[in-house]
C-alpha atoms as a PDB file:
ATOM      1  CA  UNK A   1       0.079   0.077   0.068  1.00  0.00           C
ATOM      2  CA  UNK A   2       1.205   3.539  -0.805  1.00  0.00           C
ATOM      3  CA  UNK A   3       0.664   6.483   1.383  1.00  0.00           C
ATOM      4  CA  UNK A   4       0.881   9.851  -0.191  1.00  0.00           C
ATOM      5  CA  UNK A   5       1.426  13.155   1.784  1.00  0.00           C
ATOM      6  CA  UNK A   6       1.719  16.886   0.584  1.00  0.00           C
ATOM      7  CA  UNK A   7       4.624  18.869   1.710  1.00  0.00           C
ATOM      8  CA  UNK A   8       3.861  22.517   1.366  1.00  0.00           C
ATOM      9  CA  UNK A   9       6.643  24.695  -0.424  1.00  0.00           C
ATOM     10  CA  UNK A  10       6.833  28.244  -1.484  1.00  0.00           C
ATOM     11  CA  UNK A  11       3.258  30.121  -1.311  1.00  0.00           C
ATOM     12  CA  UNK A  12       1.075  27.509  -2.928  1.00  0.00           C
ATOM     13  CA  UNK A  13       3.195  24.554  -4.234  1.00  0.00           C
ATOM     14  CA  UNK A  14       2.820  20.809  -3.089  1.00  0.00           C
ATOM     15  CA  UNK A  15       5.772  18.500  -3.152  1.00  0.00           C
ATOM     16  CA  UNK A  16       4.416  14.980  -2.974  1.00  0.00           C
ATOM     17  CA  UNK A  17       5.857  12.442  -0.466  1.00  0.00           C
ATOM     18  CA  UNK A  18       5.334   8.790  -1.488  1.00  0.00           C
ATOM     19  CA  UNK A  19       5.972   6.105   1.284  1.00  0.00           C
ATOM     20  CA  UNK A  20       4.924   2.706   2.602  1.00  0.00           C
ATOM     21  CA  UNK A  21       1.574   3.059   4.161  1.00  0.00           C
ATOM     22  CA  UNK A  22       2.303   0.123   6.371  1.00  0.00           C
ATOM     23  CA  UNK A  23       5.391   1.501   7.788  1.00  0.00           C
ATOM     24  CA  UNK A  24       7.424  -1.401   6.542  1.00  0.00           C
ATOM     25  CA  UNK A  25      10.281   0.686   4.993  1.00  0.00           C
ATOM     26  CA  UNK A  26      11.969   3.882   5.365  1.00  0.00           C
ATOM     27  CA  UNK A  27      12.750   4.649   1.885  1.00  0.00           C
ATOM     28  CA  UNK A  28      10.489   7.362   0.160  1.00  0.00           C
ATOM     29  CA  UNK A  29      10.117   9.040  -3.125  1.00  0.00           C
ATOM     30  CA  UNK A  30       9.203  12.719  -3.659  1.00  0.00           C
ATOM     31  CA  UNK A  31       7.562  14.410  -6.751  1.00  0.00           C
ATOM     32  CA  UNK A  32       8.524  17.808  -8.022  1.00  0.00           C
ATOM     33  CA  UNK A  33      10.663  19.123  -5.130  1.00  0.00           C
ATOM     34  CA  UNK A  34      10.945  22.765  -6.111  1.00  0.00           C
ATOM     35  CA  UNK A  35      12.878  23.461  -2.813  1.00  0.00           C
ATOM     36  CA  UNK A  36      14.930  21.244  -0.724  1.00  0.00           C
ATOM     37  CA  UNK A  37      14.467  22.433   2.831  1.00  0.00           C
ATOM     38  CA  UNK A  38      10.886  21.241   3.394  1.00  0.00           C
ATOM     39  CA  UNK A  39      11.751  17.779   2.312  1.00  0.00           C
ATOM     40  CA  UNK A  40      14.792  17.454   4.315  1.00  0.00           C
ATOM     41  CA  UNK A  41      13.135  18.594   7.312  1.00  0.00           C
ATOM     42  CA  UNK A  42      10.155  16.105   6.876  1.00  0.00           C
ATOM     43  CA  UNK A  43      12.412  13.203   6.186  1.00  0.00           C
ATOM     44  CA  UNK A  44      14.784  13.785   8.973  1.00  0.00           C
ATOM     45  CA  UNK A  45      11.924  14.397  11.413  1.00  0.00           C
ATOM     46  CA  UNK A  46      10.314  10.961  10.180  1.00  0.00           C
ATOM     47  CA  UNK A  47      13.454   9.125  10.242  1.00  0.00           C
ATOM     48  CA  UNK A  48      13.142   8.147   6.522  1.00  0.00           C
ATOM     49  CA  UNK A  49      15.472   8.465   3.520  1.00  0.00           C
ATOM     50  CA  UNK A  50      15.084   9.606   0.053  1.00  0.00           C
ATOM     51  CA  UNK A  51      15.195   6.864  -2.529  1.00  0.00           C
ATOM     52  CA  UNK A  52      13.822   8.431  -5.661  1.00  0.00           C
ATOM     53  CA  UNK A  53      12.683  11.855  -7.062  1.00  0.00           C
ATOM     54  CA  UNK A  54      10.282  12.207 -10.137  1.00  0.00           C
ATOM     55  CA  UNK A  55      10.193  15.581 -12.013  1.00  0.00           C
ATOM     56  CA  UNK A  56       7.486  16.441 -14.432  1.00  0.00           C
ATOM     57  CA  UNK A  57       8.943  19.442 -16.185  1.00  0.00           C
ATOM     58  CA  UNK A  58      11.868  21.706 -16.029  1.00  0.00           C
ATOM     59  CA  UNK A  59      10.371  24.914 -14.280  1.00  0.00           C
ATOM     60  CA  UNK A  60      12.304  25.718 -11.278  1.00  0.00           C
ATOM     61  CA  UNK A  61       9.443  25.439  -8.805  1.00  0.00           C
ATOM     62  CA  UNK A  62       9.230  21.837  -9.771  1.00  0.00           C
ATOM     63  CA  UNK A  63      13.023  20.806  -9.829  1.00  0.00           C
ATOM     64  CA  UNK A  64      14.979  23.503  -7.925  1.00  0.00           C
ATOM     65  CA  UNK A  65      15.615  21.361  -4.905  1.00  0.00           C
ATOM     66  CA  UNK A  66      16.976  18.410  -6.462  1.00  0.00           C
ATOM     67  CA  UNK A  67      20.563  19.283  -6.396  1.00  0.00           C
ATOM     68  CA  UNK A  68      20.456  19.904  -2.427  1.00  0.00           C
ATOM     69  CA  UNK A  69      18.457  16.698  -1.893  1.00  0.00           C
ATOM     70  CA  UNK A  70      21.172  14.797  -3.830  1.00  0.00           C
ATOM     71  CA  UNK A  71      23.751  16.354  -1.574  1.00  0.00           C
ATOM     72  CA  UNK A  72      22.015  14.633   1.282  1.00  0.00           C
ATOM     73  CA  UNK A  73      20.905  11.523  -0.426  1.00  0.00           C
ATOM     74  CA  UNK A  74      23.527  10.993  -3.153  1.00  0.00           C
ATOM     75  CA  UNK A  75      22.160   7.600  -4.215  1.00  0.00           C
ATOM     76  CA  UNK A  76      18.717   8.663  -5.089  1.00  0.00           C
ATOM     77  CA  UNK A  77      17.260   7.993  -8.333  1.00  0.00           C
ATOM     78  CA  UNK A  78      16.018  11.120 -10.365  1.00  0.00           C
ATOM     79  CA  UNK A  79      13.606  10.301 -13.170  1.00  0.00           C
ATOM     80  CA  UNK A  80      12.983  13.316 -15.369  1.00  0.00           C
ATOM     81  CA  UNK A  81      12.081  14.179 -18.995  1.00  0.00           C
ATOM     82  CA  UNK A  82      14.750  14.285 -21.633  1.00  0.00           C
ATOM     83  CA  UNK A  83      15.141  17.938 -21.219  1.00  0.00           C
ATOM     84  CA  UNK A  84      18.318  19.716 -21.152  1.00  0.00           C
ATOM     85  CA  UNK A  85      17.144  22.233 -18.647  1.00  0.00           C
ATOM     86  CA  UNK A  86      16.982  19.212 -15.932  1.00  0.00           C
ATOM     87  CA  UNK A  87      20.692  18.816 -15.462  1.00  0.00           C
ATOM     88  CA  UNK A  88      20.145  16.695 -12.400  1.00  0.00           C
ATOM     89  CA  UNK A  89      18.482  13.772 -14.017  1.00  0.00           C
ATOM     90  CA  UNK A  90      19.955  10.288 -13.627  1.00  0.00           C
ATOM     91  CA  UNK A  91      17.272   8.571 -15.655  1.00  0.00           C
ATOM     92  CA  UNK A  92      15.684  10.136 -18.715  1.00  0.00           C
ATOM     93  CA  UNK A  93      12.121   8.800 -19.223  1.00  0.00           C
ATOM     94  CA  UNK A  94       9.321   9.449 -21.759  1.00  0.00           C
ATOM     95  CA  UNK A  95       6.191   8.106 -23.003  1.00  0.00           C
ATOM     96  CA  UNK A  96       5.560   4.365 -22.213  1.00  0.00           C
ATOM     97  CA  UNK A  97       8.463   3.996 -19.772  1.00  0.00           C
ATOM     98  CA  UNK A  98       7.931   2.348 -16.364  1.00  0.00           C
ATOM     99  CA  UNK A  99       9.694   3.852 -13.314  1.00  0.00           C
ATOM    100  CA  UNK A 100      10.220   1.491 -10.323  1.00  0.00           C
ATOM    101  CA  UNK A 101      10.193   3.260  -6.951  1.00  0.00           C
ATOM    102  CA  UNK A 102      12.960   1.846  -4.854  1.00  0.00           C
ATOM    103  CA  UNK A 103      11.725   0.325  -1.687  1.00  0.00           C
ATOM    104  CA  UNK A 104       8.090   0.708  -2.520  1.00  0.00           C
ATOM    105  CA  UNK A 105       7.548  -2.216  -4.978  1.00  0.00           C
ATOM    106  CA  UNK A 106       5.435   0.066  -7.111  1.00  0.00           C
ATOM    107  CA  UNK A 107       5.970   1.115 -10.855  1.00  0.00           C
ATOM    108  CA  UNK A 108       4.712   4.349 -12.335  1.00  0.00           C
ATOM    109  CA  UNK A 109       3.947   4.563 -16.044  1.00  0.00           C
ATOM    110  CA  UNK A 110       5.151   7.727 -17.794  1.00  0.00           C
ATOM    111  CA  UNK A 111       2.861   9.665 -19.892  1.00  0.00           C
ATOM    112  CA  UNK A 112       3.720  12.403 -22.189  1.00  0.00           C
ATOM    113  CA  UNK A 113       1.347  15.350 -21.428  1.00  0.00           C
ATOM    114  CA  UNK A 114       2.935  18.412 -23.469  1.00  0.00           C
ATOM    115  CA  UNK A 115       1.424  21.745 -23.635  1.00  0.00           C
ATOM    116  CA  UNK A 116       2.425  23.689 -20.397  1.00  0.00           C
ATOM    117  CA  UNK A 117       5.895  22.869 -21.492  1.00  0.00           C
ATOM    118  CA  UNK A 118       6.977  20.863 -24.577  1.00  0.00           C
ATOM    119  CA  UNK A 119       8.423  18.100 -22.571  1.00  0.00           C
ATOM    120  CA  UNK A 120       6.061  17.839 -19.796  1.00  0.00           C
ATOM    121  CA  UNK A 121       5.449  14.254 -18.244  1.00  0.00           C
ATOM    122  CA  UNK A 122       2.926  12.720 -15.841  1.00  0.00           C
ATOM    123  CA  UNK A 123       3.417   9.868 -13.774  1.00  0.00           C
ATOM    124  CA  UNK A 124       0.572   7.165 -13.311  1.00  0.00           C
ATOM    125  CA  UNK A 125       0.337   4.232 -10.880  1.00  0.00           C
ATOM    126  CA  UNK A 126      -1.396   2.850  -7.784  1.00  0.00           C
ATOM    127  CA  UNK A 127      -4.773   4.691  -8.725  1.00  0.00           C
ATOM    128  CA  UNK A 128      -2.807   8.118  -8.739  1.00  0.00           C
ATOM    129  CA  UNK A 129      -1.798  10.622 -11.451  1.00  0.00           C
ATOM    130  CA  UNK A 130       1.027  13.105 -10.813  1.00  0.00           C
ATOM    131  CA  UNK A 131       0.303  15.605 -13.436  1.00  0.00           C
ATOM    132  CA  UNK A 132       2.488  18.567 -12.439  1.00  0.00           C
ATOM    133  CA  UNK A 133       0.971  21.594 -14.047  1.00  0.00           C
ATOM    134  CA  UNK A 134      -0.899  20.160 -16.840  1.00  0.00           C
ATOM    135  CA  UNK A 135      -4.125  19.466 -14.946  1.00  0.00           C
ATOM    136  CA  UNK A 136      -5.053  21.487 -12.002  1.00  0.00           C
ATOM    137  CA  UNK A 137      -7.919  20.870  -9.510  1.00  0.00           C
ATOM    138  CA  UNK A 138     -10.662  23.116 -11.314  1.00  0.00           C
ATOM    139  CA  UNK A 139      -8.345  24.086 -14.150  1.00  0.00           C
ATOM    140  CA  UNK A 140      -5.206  23.581 -15.970  1.00  0.00           C
ATOM    141  CA  UNK A 141      -1.714  25.117 -16.543  1.00  0.00           C
ATOM    142  CA  UNK A 142      -0.857  28.051 -18.816  1.00  0.00           C
ATOM    143  CA  UNK A 143       1.055  27.358 -22.088  1.00  0.00           C
ATOM    144  CA  UNK A 144       4.732  28.462 -21.913  1.00  0.00           C
ATOM    145  CA  UNK A 145       6.916  26.491 -24.521  1.00  0.00           C
ATOM    146  CA  UNK A 146       4.206  24.019 -25.596  1.00  0.00           C
ATOM    147  CA  UNK A 147       1.080  24.820 -27.595  1.00  0.00           C
ATOM    148  CA  UNK A 148      -2.616  25.049 -27.040  1.00  0.00           C
ATOM    149  CA  UNK A 149      -3.258  22.025 -29.286  1.00  0.00           C
ATOM    150  CA  UNK A 150      -0.648  19.988 -27.362  1.00  0.00           C
ATOM    151  CA  UNK A 151      -2.284  20.839 -23.943  1.00  0.00           C
ATOM    152  CA  UNK A 152      -5.797  20.263 -25.194  1.00  0.00           C
ATOM    153  CA  UNK A 153      -4.730  16.891 -26.383  1.00  0.00           C
ATOM    154  CA  UNK A 154      -3.003  16.108 -23.127  1.00  0.00           C
ATOM    155  CA  UNK A 155      -6.032  16.969 -21.196  1.00  0.00           C
ATOM    156  CA  UNK A 156      -8.103  14.791 -23.427  1.00  0.00           C
ATOM    157  CA  UNK A 157      -5.860  11.920 -22.577  1.00  0.00           C
ATOM    158  CA  UNK A 158      -6.017  12.508 -18.971  1.00  0.00           C
ATOM    159  CA  UNK A 159      -9.742  12.650 -19.245  1.00  0.00           C
ATOM    160  CA  UNK A 160      -9.942   9.158 -20.557  1.00  0.00           C
ATOM    161  CA  UNK A 161      -8.315   7.487 -17.571  1.00  0.00           C
ATOM    162  CA  UNK A 162     -10.421   5.757 -15.019  1.00  0.00           C
ATOM    163  CA  UNK A 163     -12.813   8.251 -13.312  1.00  0.00           C
ATOM    164  CA  UNK A 164     -11.603   6.987  -9.806  1.00  0.00           C
ATOM    165  CA  UNK A 165      -8.063   8.158 -10.558  1.00  0.00           C
ATOM    166  CA  UNK A 166      -6.877  10.673  -7.842  1.00  0.00           C
ATOM    167  CA  UNK A 167      -5.033  13.594  -9.634  1.00  0.00           C
ATOM    168  CA  UNK A 168      -2.211  15.125  -7.698  1.00  0.00           C
ATOM    169  CA  UNK A 169      -1.401  18.444  -9.118  1.00  0.00           C
ATOM    170  CA  UNK A 170       1.441  20.747  -7.905  1.00  0.00           C
ATOM    171  CA  UNK A 171      -0.426  23.762  -6.836  1.00  0.00           C
ATOM    172  CA  UNK A 172      -3.123  25.075  -4.394  1.00  0.00           C
ATOM    173  CA  UNK A 173      -5.064  26.941  -7.045  1.00  0.00           C
ATOM    174  CA  UNK A 174      -8.440  25.420  -6.657  1.00  0.00           C
ATOM    175  CA  UNK A 175     -10.554  28.188  -5.487  1.00  0.00           C
ATOM    176  CA  UNK A 176      -9.357  30.643  -8.155  1.00  0.00           C
ATOM    177  CA  UNK A 177      -9.909  27.975 -10.850  1.00  0.00           C
ATOM    178  CA  UNK A 178     -13.302  27.266  -9.539  1.00  0.00           C
ATOM    179  CA  UNK A 179     -14.110  30.972  -9.803  1.00  0.00           C
ATOM    180  CA  UNK A 180     -13.359  31.048 -13.391  1.00  0.00           C
ATOM    181  CA  UNK A 181     -15.273  27.784 -13.978  1.00  0.00           C
ATOM    182  CA  UNK A 182     -18.382  29.411 -12.497  1.00  0.00           C
ATOM    183  CA  UNK A 183     -17.963  32.181 -15.111  1.00  0.00           C
ATOM    184  CA  UNK A 184     -18.130  29.571 -17.780  1.00  0.00           C
ATOM    185  CA  UNK A 185     -20.823  27.323 -16.320  1.00  0.00           C
ATOM    186  CA  UNK A 186     -22.733  29.468 -13.820  1.00  0.00           C
ATOM    187  CA  UNK A 187     -25.737  26.941 -13.797  1.00  0.00           C
ATOM    188  CA  UNK A 188     -23.721  23.869 -13.291  1.00  0.00           C
ATOM    189  CA  UNK A 189     -25.025  22.470  -9.810  1.00  0.00           C
ATOM    190  CA  UNK A 190     -22.165  20.233  -9.183  1.00  0.00           C
ATOM    191  CA  UNK A 191     -19.773  23.201  -9.616  1.00  0.00           C
ATOM    192  CA  UNK A 192     -21.638  25.111  -6.849  1.00  0.00           C
ATOM    193  CA  UNK A 193     -21.388  22.159  -4.487  1.00  0.00           C
ATOM    194  CA  UNK A 194     -17.638  21.675  -5.184  1.00  0.00           C
ATOM    195  CA  UNK A 195     -17.117  25.536  -4.643  1.00  0.00           C
ATOM    196  CA  UNK A 196     -18.805  25.293  -1.152  1.00  0.00           C
ATOM    197  CA  UNK A 197     -16.822  22.238  -0.178  1.00  0.00           C
ATOM    198  CA  UNK A 198     -13.561  23.652  -1.239  1.00  0.00           C
ATOM    199  CA  UNK A 199     -14.268  26.968   0.650  1.00  0.00           C
ATOM    200  CA  UNK A 200     -14.811  24.757   3.785  1.00  0.00           C
ATOM    201  CA  UNK A 201     -11.673  22.734   3.226  1.00  0.00           C
ATOM    202  CA  UNK A 202      -9.540  25.704   2.910  1.00  0.00           C
ATOM    203  CA  UNK A 203     -11.238  27.349   5.902  1.00  0.00           C
ATOM    204  CA  UNK A 204      -9.906  24.203   7.786  1.00  0.00           C
ATOM    205  CA  UNK A 205      -6.509  24.993   6.574  1.00  0.00           C
ATOM    206  CA  UNK A 206      -6.517  21.759   4.565  1.00  0.00           C
ATOM    207  CA  UNK A 207      -5.242  21.006   0.928  1.00  0.00           C
ATOM    208  CA  UNK A 208      -7.873  20.599  -1.758  1.00  0.00           C
ATOM    209  CA  UNK A 209      -5.562  18.303  -3.671  1.00  0.00           C
ATOM    210  CA  UNK A 210      -5.855  15.482  -4.781  1.00  0.00           C
ATOM    211  CA  UNK A 211      -9.157  15.635  -6.655  1.00  0.00           C
ATOM    212  CA  UNK A 212     -10.969  12.637  -8.189  1.00  0.00           C
ATOM    213  CA  UNK A 213     -11.001  12.616 -12.011  1.00  0.00           C
ATOM    214  CA  UNK A 214     -14.775  12.125 -11.980  1.00  0.00           C
ATOM    215  CA  UNK A 215     -15.077  15.388 -10.049  1.00  0.00           C
ATOM    216  CA  UNK A 216     -12.874  17.083 -12.649  1.00  0.00           C
ATOM    217  CA  UNK A 217     -14.987  15.788 -15.455  1.00  0.00           C
ATOM    218  CA  UNK A 218     -18.117  17.216 -13.779  1.00  0.00           C
ATOM    219  CA  UNK A 219     -16.652  20.654 -12.968  1.00  0.00           C
ATOM    220  CA  UNK A 220     -13.515  21.471 -14.664  1.00  0.00           C
ATOM    221  CA  UNK A 221     -14.408  23.426 -17.900  1.00  0.00           C
ATOM    222  CA  UNK A 222     -11.113  22.551 -19.613  1.00  0.00           C
ATOM    223  CA  UNK A 223     -12.318  18.829 -19.340  1.00  0.00           C
ATOM    224  CA  UNK A 224     -15.634  19.774 -20.564  1.00  0.00           C
ATOM    225  CA  UNK A 225     -15.140  21.336 -23.908  1.00  0.00           C
ATOM    226  CA  UNK A 226     -17.859  19.088 -25.592  1.00  0.00           C
ATOM    227  CA  UNK A 227     -20.657  20.341 -23.182  1.00  0.00           C
ATOM    228  CA  UNK A 228     -23.057  22.737 -24.833  1.00  0.00           C
ATOM    229  CA  UNK A 229     -22.958  25.392 -22.057  1.00  0.00           C
ATOM    230  CA  UNK A 230     -19.097  25.382 -22.099  1.00  0.00           C
ATOM    231  CA  UNK A 231     -19.106  25.811 -25.978  1.00  0.00           C
ATOM    232  CA  UNK A 232     -21.710  28.458 -25.748  1.00  0.00           C
ATOM    233  CA  UNK A 233     -19.559  30.400 -23.175  1.00  0.00           C
ATOM    234  CA  UNK A 234     -16.289  29.921 -25.148  1.00  0.00           C
ATOM    235  CA  UNK A 235     -17.980  31.026 -28.493  1.00  0.00           C
ATOM    236  CA  UNK A 236     -19.288  34.181 -26.626  1.00  0.00           C
ATOM    237  CA  UNK A 237     -15.858  35.063 -25.573  1.00  0.00           C
ATOM    238  CA  UNK A 238     -14.281  34.361 -28.866  1.00  0.00           C
ATOM    239  CA  UNK A 239     -17.017  36.163 -30.786  1.00  0.00           C
ATOM    240  CA  UNK A 240     -17.463  33.456 -33.289  1.00  0.00           C
ATOM    241  CA  UNK A 241     -18.394  29.837 -33.768  1.00  0.00           C
ATOM    242  CA  UNK A 242     -15.952  27.174 -32.626  1.00  0.00           C
ATOM    243  CA  UNK A 243     -15.824  23.862 -34.500  1.00  0.00           C
ATOM    244  CA  UNK A 244     -14.093  21.347 -32.473  1.00  0.00           C
ATOM    245  CA  UNK A 245     -12.986  20.722 -28.772  1.00  0.00           C
ATOM    246  CA  UNK A 246      -9.638  22.048 -29.286  1.00  0.00           C
ATOM    247  CA  UNK A 247     -10.861  25.323 -30.624  1.00  0.00           C
ATOM    248  CA  UNK A 248     -13.212  25.521 -27.485  1.00  0.00           C
ATOM    249  CA  UNK A 249     -10.335  24.642 -25.212  1.00  0.00           C
ATOM    250  CA  UNK A 250      -8.081  27.271 -26.893  1.00  0.00           C
ATOM    251  CA  UNK A 251     -10.709  29.862 -26.280  1.00  0.00           C
ATOM    252  CA  UNK A 252     -11.068  28.899 -22.626  1.00  0.00           C
ATOM    253  CA  UNK A 253      -7.550  29.243 -21.878  1.00  0.00           C
ATOM    254  CA  UNK A 254      -7.289  32.767 -23.738  1.00  0.00           C
ATOM    255  CA  UNK A 255     -10.123  33.826 -21.816  1.00  0.00           C
ATOM    256  CA  UNK A 256      -8.525  32.879 -18.509  1.00  0.00           C
ATOM    257  CA  UNK A 257      -5.117  34.307 -19.479  1.00  0.00           C
ATOM    258  CA  UNK A 258      -6.751  37.704 -20.426  1.00  0.00           C
ATOM    259  CA  UNK A 259      -9.636  38.136 -18.121  1.00  0.00           C
ATOM    260  CA  UNK A 260      -8.906  36.400 -14.805  1.00  0.00           C
ATOM    261  CA  UNK A 261      -5.366  35.402 -14.133  1.00  0.00           C
END
């Protein structure tokens, strides 16, 4: 059994800590360590050691702590995209690869999910998807050196996963994302329920991540580009008819970039 815990970092990042739920081993994996100190403090406090690091993409708030973590645990595996801007990688991985997590007896499938960046990856296993900045709870990432078409295709791929999949994104952006979602679909009753639940969760000081994919499919406009209400809202913003889900997605992403973020 796998236990997954958040380690807060910076203002709104989550570094994900993967360990043995039964306490049978002291070796752990972390995902997207943008800074090292919170990880070092947690592991030393718990008496655990770092065996592996999974990196989804090259942005510094996802890989900036890797070098300092390797200084403390020099034998740790670092799996990362084939990306020159990730100089600490020890295992370059890509679409279809399987990464075995040392000490945990679990393998994670690598999915290529470009768009936010051109070489963005996700890691899928044990009912969990570590999706970095591709999919957020209630939203999705901006496009940097990928393309809108790539990101739309990556989100469609994620949407096709089992609905019970738990999506572990890397930021606490949920309330802001749902605010935009409500602009897009003000009459969506499931969205209203989710917003109320999310506000209560944050009021308790708890993370809103992970989210179940089924909930994203019901409330996240970037996964709902075939829904008539979402299409109509995107067309109103674009001022023209939109012929396909990629065009709808692109209009939504531009709308959020220009009017909300």
